[in-house]
């Protein structure tokens, strides 16, 4: 990736305060982009010349529409977007209450829909744009104790492909990056002790979970490389793709 590959491009990033989102913002800054970084966690974070920080709840449809409209009015067109905001909900189905189920979908699925709709309305007449949604490899393989999360990510993946199909005739590309186990707080928060990484890499026959053939967890930076590739003109003839970045854990591409 060249140092100025995204020079002059305005990119909106959701879920930008930590993990993969924060890594994407850092990489985009290094590549010359002008970034609107959004998250619920930002509070009194000063803007810089190349990053504008905004508090945003992607589950709030009106808030998403209002922010996109305000950014376009004040700063100009949003050229690209990385939709990364997500939450982890775990638990057996029989023990999952309505609130937990709805929370998974409100952020992981509805939030992606809210942003995709707002951007589609603006990118379509301009006949240009690139959207990358960070989903999960759990969207493509059943996971024990993760039904709400996996189902919400599966819905998000199919929504993004449908969005890509609708927007392709208008020159707008929509793609998915599906990470596996990645060294973020979301992942480490599920570990009971210092052997958590080793157990994930080895897999667990009891929960029908394969290990990771490459023998390591992903870093946020490794996932970021896939996000930036699909956003960029290097992927100019790629749309509706679902790129797994999981070290081979799901035994699929």
Protein backbone atom coordinates (compact mmCIF):
# COMPACT_ATOMS: atom_id res chain seq x y z
CA UNK A 1 0.00 0.00 0.00
CA UNK A 2 1.47 3.35 -1.02
CA UNK A 3 1.72 6.11 1.54
CA UNK A 4 -0.81 8.29 -0.25
CA UNK A 5 -3.19 5.68 -1.65
CA UNK A 6 -6.22 7.29 0.02
CA UNK A 7 -5.11 10.91 -0.36
CA UNK A 8 -8.13 13.19 -0.60
CA UNK A 9 -10.63 10.40 0.11
CA UNK A 10 -13.22 11.01 2.84
CA UNK A 11 -13.84 7.76 4.70
CA UNK A 12 -16.41 7.14 7.41
CA UNK A 13 -15.49 4.45 9.96
CA UNK A 14 -17.90 3.07 12.57
CA UNK A 15 -16.68 1.19 15.64
CA UNK A 16 -13.51 3.29 15.45
CA UNK A 17 -12.59 3.52 19.14
CA UNK A 18 -10.92 0.14 19.53
CA UNK A 19 -9.76 -3.12 18.02
CA UNK A 20 -10.09 -3.44 14.26
CA UNK A 21 -11.79 -0.06 13.93
CA UNK A 22 -8.95 1.81 15.59
CA UNK A 23 -6.41 -0.04 13.44
CA UNK A 24 -8.34 0.88 10.29
CA UNK A 25 -8.39 4.55 11.26
CA UNK A 26 -4.62 4.52 11.90
CA UNK A 27 -3.92 2.86 8.55
CA UNK A 28 -6.19 5.24 6.67
CA UNK A 29 -4.47 8.23 8.29
CA UNK A 30 -1.10 6.88 7.20
CA UNK A 31 -2.47 6.50 3.67
CA UNK A 32 -3.64 10.11 3.47
CA UNK A 33 -7.40 9.75 4.00
CA UNK A 34 -9.68 12.27 5.65
CA UNK A 35 -11.59 10.28 8.22
CA UNK A 36 -14.84 10.57 10.11
CA UNK A 37 -14.31 8.21 13.05
CA UNK A 38 -17.48 7.25 14.90
CA UNK A 39 -18.16 5.26 18.05
CA UNK A 40 -20.14 5.40 21.28
CA UNK A 41 -16.89 5.59 23.25
CA UNK A 42 -15.64 8.97 22.03
CA UNK A 43 -16.01 11.76 24.58
CA UNK A 44 -14.29 15.12 24.22
CA UNK A 45 -11.81 13.67 21.73
CA UNK A 46 -10.30 16.63 19.85
CA UNK A 47 -10.44 16.58 16.07
CA UNK A 48 -7.25 16.75 14.05
CA UNK A 49 -6.52 17.91 10.53
CA UNK A 50 -7.32 14.47 9.12
CA UNK A 51 -9.71 12.89 11.65
CA UNK A 52 -13.10 14.12 12.81
CA UNK A 53 -14.46 12.25 15.83
CA UNK A 54 -18.20 11.78 16.26
CA UNK A 55 -20.26 9.94 18.88
CA UNK A 56 -22.70 7.65 17.07
CA UNK A 57 -25.04 4.83 18.03
CA UNK A 58 -25.42 2.91 14.77
CA UNK A 59 -28.54 1.24 16.17
CA UNK A 60 -30.28 4.65 16.05
CA UNK A 61 -31.51 5.04 12.47
CA UNK A 62 -32.27 8.76 12.81
CA UNK A 63 -28.84 9.45 14.31
CA UNK A 64 -27.06 7.67 11.46
CA UNK A 65 -29.03 9.52 8.80
CA UNK A 66 -28.48 12.85 10.55
CA UNK A 67 -24.73 12.34 10.90
CA UNK A 68 -24.24 11.31 7.29
CA UNK A 69 -26.27 14.32 6.14
CA UNK A 70 -24.29 16.68 8.39
CA UNK A 71 -20.91 15.34 7.29
CA UNK A 72 -21.82 15.70 3.64
CA UNK A 73 -23.12 19.23 4.19
CA UNK A 74 -20.18 20.42 6.28
CA UNK A 75 -17.23 18.48 4.85
CA UNK A 76 -18.33 17.20 1.46
CA UNK A 77 -19.11 13.79 -0.04
CA UNK A 78 -18.30 10.60 1.82
CA UNK A 79 -16.34 8.57 -0.71
CA UNK A 80 -15.88 5.34 1.27
CA UNK A 81 -17.03 3.67 4.47
CA UNK A 82 -15.81 0.91 6.75
CA UNK A 83 -18.74 -0.41 8.79
CA UNK A 84 -17.06 -2.06 11.77
CA UNK A 85 -19.23 -1.37 14.85
CA UNK A 86 -20.31 -4.64 16.44
CA UNK A 87 -21.11 -6.36 19.72
CA UNK A 88 -20.53 -9.88 20.99
CA UNK A 89 -23.46 -11.76 22.50
CA UNK A 90 -22.85 -15.30 23.75
CA UNK A 91 -24.93 -17.95 25.47
CA UNK A 92 -26.96 -21.04 24.78
CA UNK A 93 -30.16 -20.42 22.85
CA UNK A 94 -32.41 -21.70 25.64
CA UNK A 95 -30.75 -19.22 28.00
CA UNK A 96 -30.72 -16.19 25.69
CA UNK A 97 -33.29 -13.58 26.62
CA UNK A 98 -35.06 -11.28 24.20
CA UNK A 99 -32.95 -8.27 25.17
CA UNK A 100 -29.66 -10.01 24.36
CA UNK A 101 -30.96 -11.29 21.02
CA UNK A 102 -32.29 -7.88 20.03
CA UNK A 103 -29.07 -6.17 21.12
CA UNK A 104 -27.00 -8.37 18.81
CA UNK A 105 -29.18 -7.53 15.84
CA UNK A 106 -29.64 -3.85 16.71
CA UNK A 107 -25.91 -3.18 16.36
CA UNK A 108 -24.52 -5.96 14.17
CA UNK A 109 -27.33 -5.98 11.59
CA UNK A 110 -29.59 -2.96 11.94
CA UNK A 111 -26.59 -0.66 12.37
CA UNK A 112 -25.07 -1.88 9.11
CA UNK A 113 -28.43 -1.44 7.38
CA UNK A 114 -28.83 2.11 8.70
CA UNK A 115 -25.40 3.15 7.43
CA UNK A 116 -25.69 1.28 4.14
CA UNK A 117 -29.06 2.88 3.40
CA UNK A 118 -27.85 6.39 4.21
CA UNK A 119 -24.78 6.00 2.01
CA UNK A 120 -26.68 4.33 -0.83
CA UNK A 121 -28.97 7.36 -1.06
CA UNK A 122 -25.97 9.61 -1.59
CA UNK A 123 -23.49 7.44 -3.48
CA UNK A 124 -26.03 6.27 -6.08
CA UNK A 125 -26.49 9.63 -7.82
CA UNK A 126 -22.73 10.26 -7.68
CA UNK A 127 -22.15 6.83 -9.28
CA UNK A 128 -19.09 6.20 -7.17
CA UNK A 129 -18.28 4.76 -3.76
CA UNK A 130 -16.85 1.85 -1.81
CA UNK A 131 -18.28 0.24 1.33
CA UNK A 132 -16.64 -2.51 3.35
CA UNK A 133 -18.51 -4.25 6.16
CA UNK A 134 -16.61 -6.19 8.82
CA UNK A 135 -18.73 -9.25 9.52
CA UNK A 136 -17.35 -12.51 10.97
CA UNK A 137 -16.42 -16.01 9.94
CA UNK A 138 -19.17 -17.03 12.40
CA UNK A 139 -21.59 -15.91 9.68
CA UNK A 140 -20.64 -18.96 7.64
CA UNK A 141 -20.28 -21.75 10.19
CA UNK A 142 -22.44 -22.74 13.19
CA UNK A 143 -20.94 -21.78 16.55
CA UNK A 144 -21.86 -23.39 19.86
CA UNK A 145 -23.11 -20.80 22.33
CA UNK A 146 -22.98 -17.97 19.79
CA UNK A 147 -26.33 -18.20 17.99
CA UNK A 148 -27.30 -14.55 18.39
CA UNK A 149 -23.93 -13.28 17.25
CA UNK A 150 -23.59 -15.72 14.36
CA UNK A 151 -27.16 -15.15 13.13
CA UNK A 152 -26.77 -11.37 13.24
CA UNK A 153 -23.51 -11.55 11.31
CA UNK A 154 -25.00 -13.95 8.75
CA UNK A 155 -27.84 -11.50 8.15
CA UNK A 156 -25.35 -8.67 7.83
CA UNK A 157 -23.28 -10.57 5.30
CA UNK A 158 -26.27 -11.28 3.08
CA UNK A 159 -27.56 -7.72 3.45
CA UNK A 160 -24.19 -6.39 2.26
CA UNK A 161 -24.15 -8.68 -0.76
CA UNK A 162 -27.69 -7.58 -1.67
CA UNK A 163 -26.66 -3.95 -1.22
CA UNK A 164 -23.72 -4.58 -3.52
CA UNK A 165 -25.99 -6.12 -6.14
CA UNK A 166 -28.32 -3.11 -6.08
CA UNK A 167 -25.53 -0.54 -6.18
CA UNK A 168 -23.24 -2.23 -8.72
CA UNK A 169 -25.00 -0.65 -11.75
CA UNK A 170 -24.32 2.72 -10.13
CA UNK A 171 -20.59 2.14 -9.76
CA UNK A 172 -20.67 1.57 -5.99
CA UNK A 173 -18.85 -1.46 -4.61
CA UNK A 174 -19.86 -3.30 -1.41
CA UNK A 175 -17.69 -6.02 0.11
CA UNK A 176 -17.33 -8.01 3.32
CA UNK A 177 -14.32 -8.88 5.45
CA UNK A 178 -14.99 -11.86 7.73
CA UNK A 179 -12.37 -12.10 10.47
CA UNK A 180 -11.91 -15.09 12.70
CA UNK A 181 -10.41 -14.94 16.18
CA UNK A 182 -8.53 -11.64 16.39
CA UNK A 183 -6.48 -10.13 19.20
CA UNK A 184 -8.99 -7.55 20.37
CA UNK A 185 -10.78 -6.93 23.65
CA UNK A 186 -13.82 -8.74 22.25
CA UNK A 187 -11.76 -11.89 21.88
CA UNK A 188 -9.67 -11.74 25.04
CA UNK A 189 -12.76 -10.95 27.10
CA UNK A 190 -13.91 -14.54 26.49
CA UNK A 191 -10.73 -16.05 27.92
CA UNK A 192 -10.72 -17.42 31.45
CA UNK A 193 -6.93 -17.45 31.83
CA UNK A 194 -3.59 -16.95 30.10
CA UNK A 195 -4.08 -20.12 28.03
CA UNK A 196 -7.02 -18.66 26.14
CA UNK A 197 -5.09 -18.03 22.93
CA UNK A 198 -3.65 -21.54 22.90
CA UNK A 199 -7.10 -23.07 23.30
CA UNK A 200 -8.53 -21.01 20.45
CA UNK A 201 -5.65 -21.97 18.17
CA UNK A 202 -5.96 -25.66 19.05
CA UNK A 203 -9.76 -25.75 18.68
CA UNK A 204 -12.23 -27.63 20.84
CA UNK A 205 -13.84 -30.89 19.75
CA UNK A 206 -16.37 -30.66 22.57
CA UNK A 207 -17.88 -27.46 21.15
CA UNK A 208 -17.34 -28.58 17.52
CA UNK A 209 -14.89 -25.74 16.89
CA UNK A 210 -11.98 -26.24 14.53
CA UNK A 211 -8.61 -24.76 15.36
CA UNK A 212 -6.60 -22.32 13.29
CA UNK A 213 -4.42 -24.01 10.65
CA UNK A 214 -1.96 -21.09 10.50
CA UNK A 215 -1.34 -21.57 14.22
CA UNK A 216 -1.94 -18.00 15.35
CA UNK A 217 -4.65 -15.44 15.98
CA UNK A 218 -5.08 -12.52 13.63
CA UNK A 219 -3.93 -9.07 14.63
CA UNK A 220 -6.18 -6.04 14.01
CA UNK A 221 -3.58 -4.85 11.51
CA UNK A 222 -3.88 -8.05 9.47
CA UNK A 223 -7.64 -7.61 9.22
CA UNK A 224 -7.10 -3.95 8.39
CA UNK A 225 -5.02 -4.86 5.34
CA UNK A 226 -8.02 -6.73 3.90
CA UNK A 227 -10.37 -3.83 4.67
CA UNK A 228 -8.14 -1.28 2.99
CA UNK A 229 -7.58 -3.47 -0.04
CA UNK A 230 -11.32 -3.86 -0.66
CA UNK A 231 -11.94 -0.16 -0.08
CA UNK A 232 -9.23 0.84 -2.52
CA UNK A 233 -9.02 1.09 -6.28
CA UNK A 234 -6.84 -2.02 -6.21
CA UNK A 235 -10.15 -3.86 -5.80
CA UNK A 236 -11.91 -1.83 -8.48
CA UNK A 237 -13.49 -4.91 -10.11
CA UNK A 238 -14.48 -6.64 -6.85
CA UNK A 239 -17.93 -6.33 -5.34
CA UNK A 240 -20.15 -8.60 -3.21
CA UNK A 241 -17.02 -10.51 -2.13
CA UNK A 242 -16.85 -12.16 1.29
CA UNK A 243 -13.18 -12.35 2.25
CA UNK A 244 -12.36 -14.63 5.19
CA UNK A 245 -9.37 -13.52 7.26
CA UNK A 246 -9.25 -16.35 9.79
CA UNK A 247 -6.07 -18.33 9.24
CA UNK A 248 -8.08 -21.11 7.61
CA UNK A 249 -10.22 -21.72 10.72
CA UNK A 250 -13.45 -22.27 8.82
CA UNK A 251 -11.76 -24.36 6.10
CA UNK A 252 -13.23 -22.12 3.43
CA UNK A 253 -12.30 -19.02 1.45
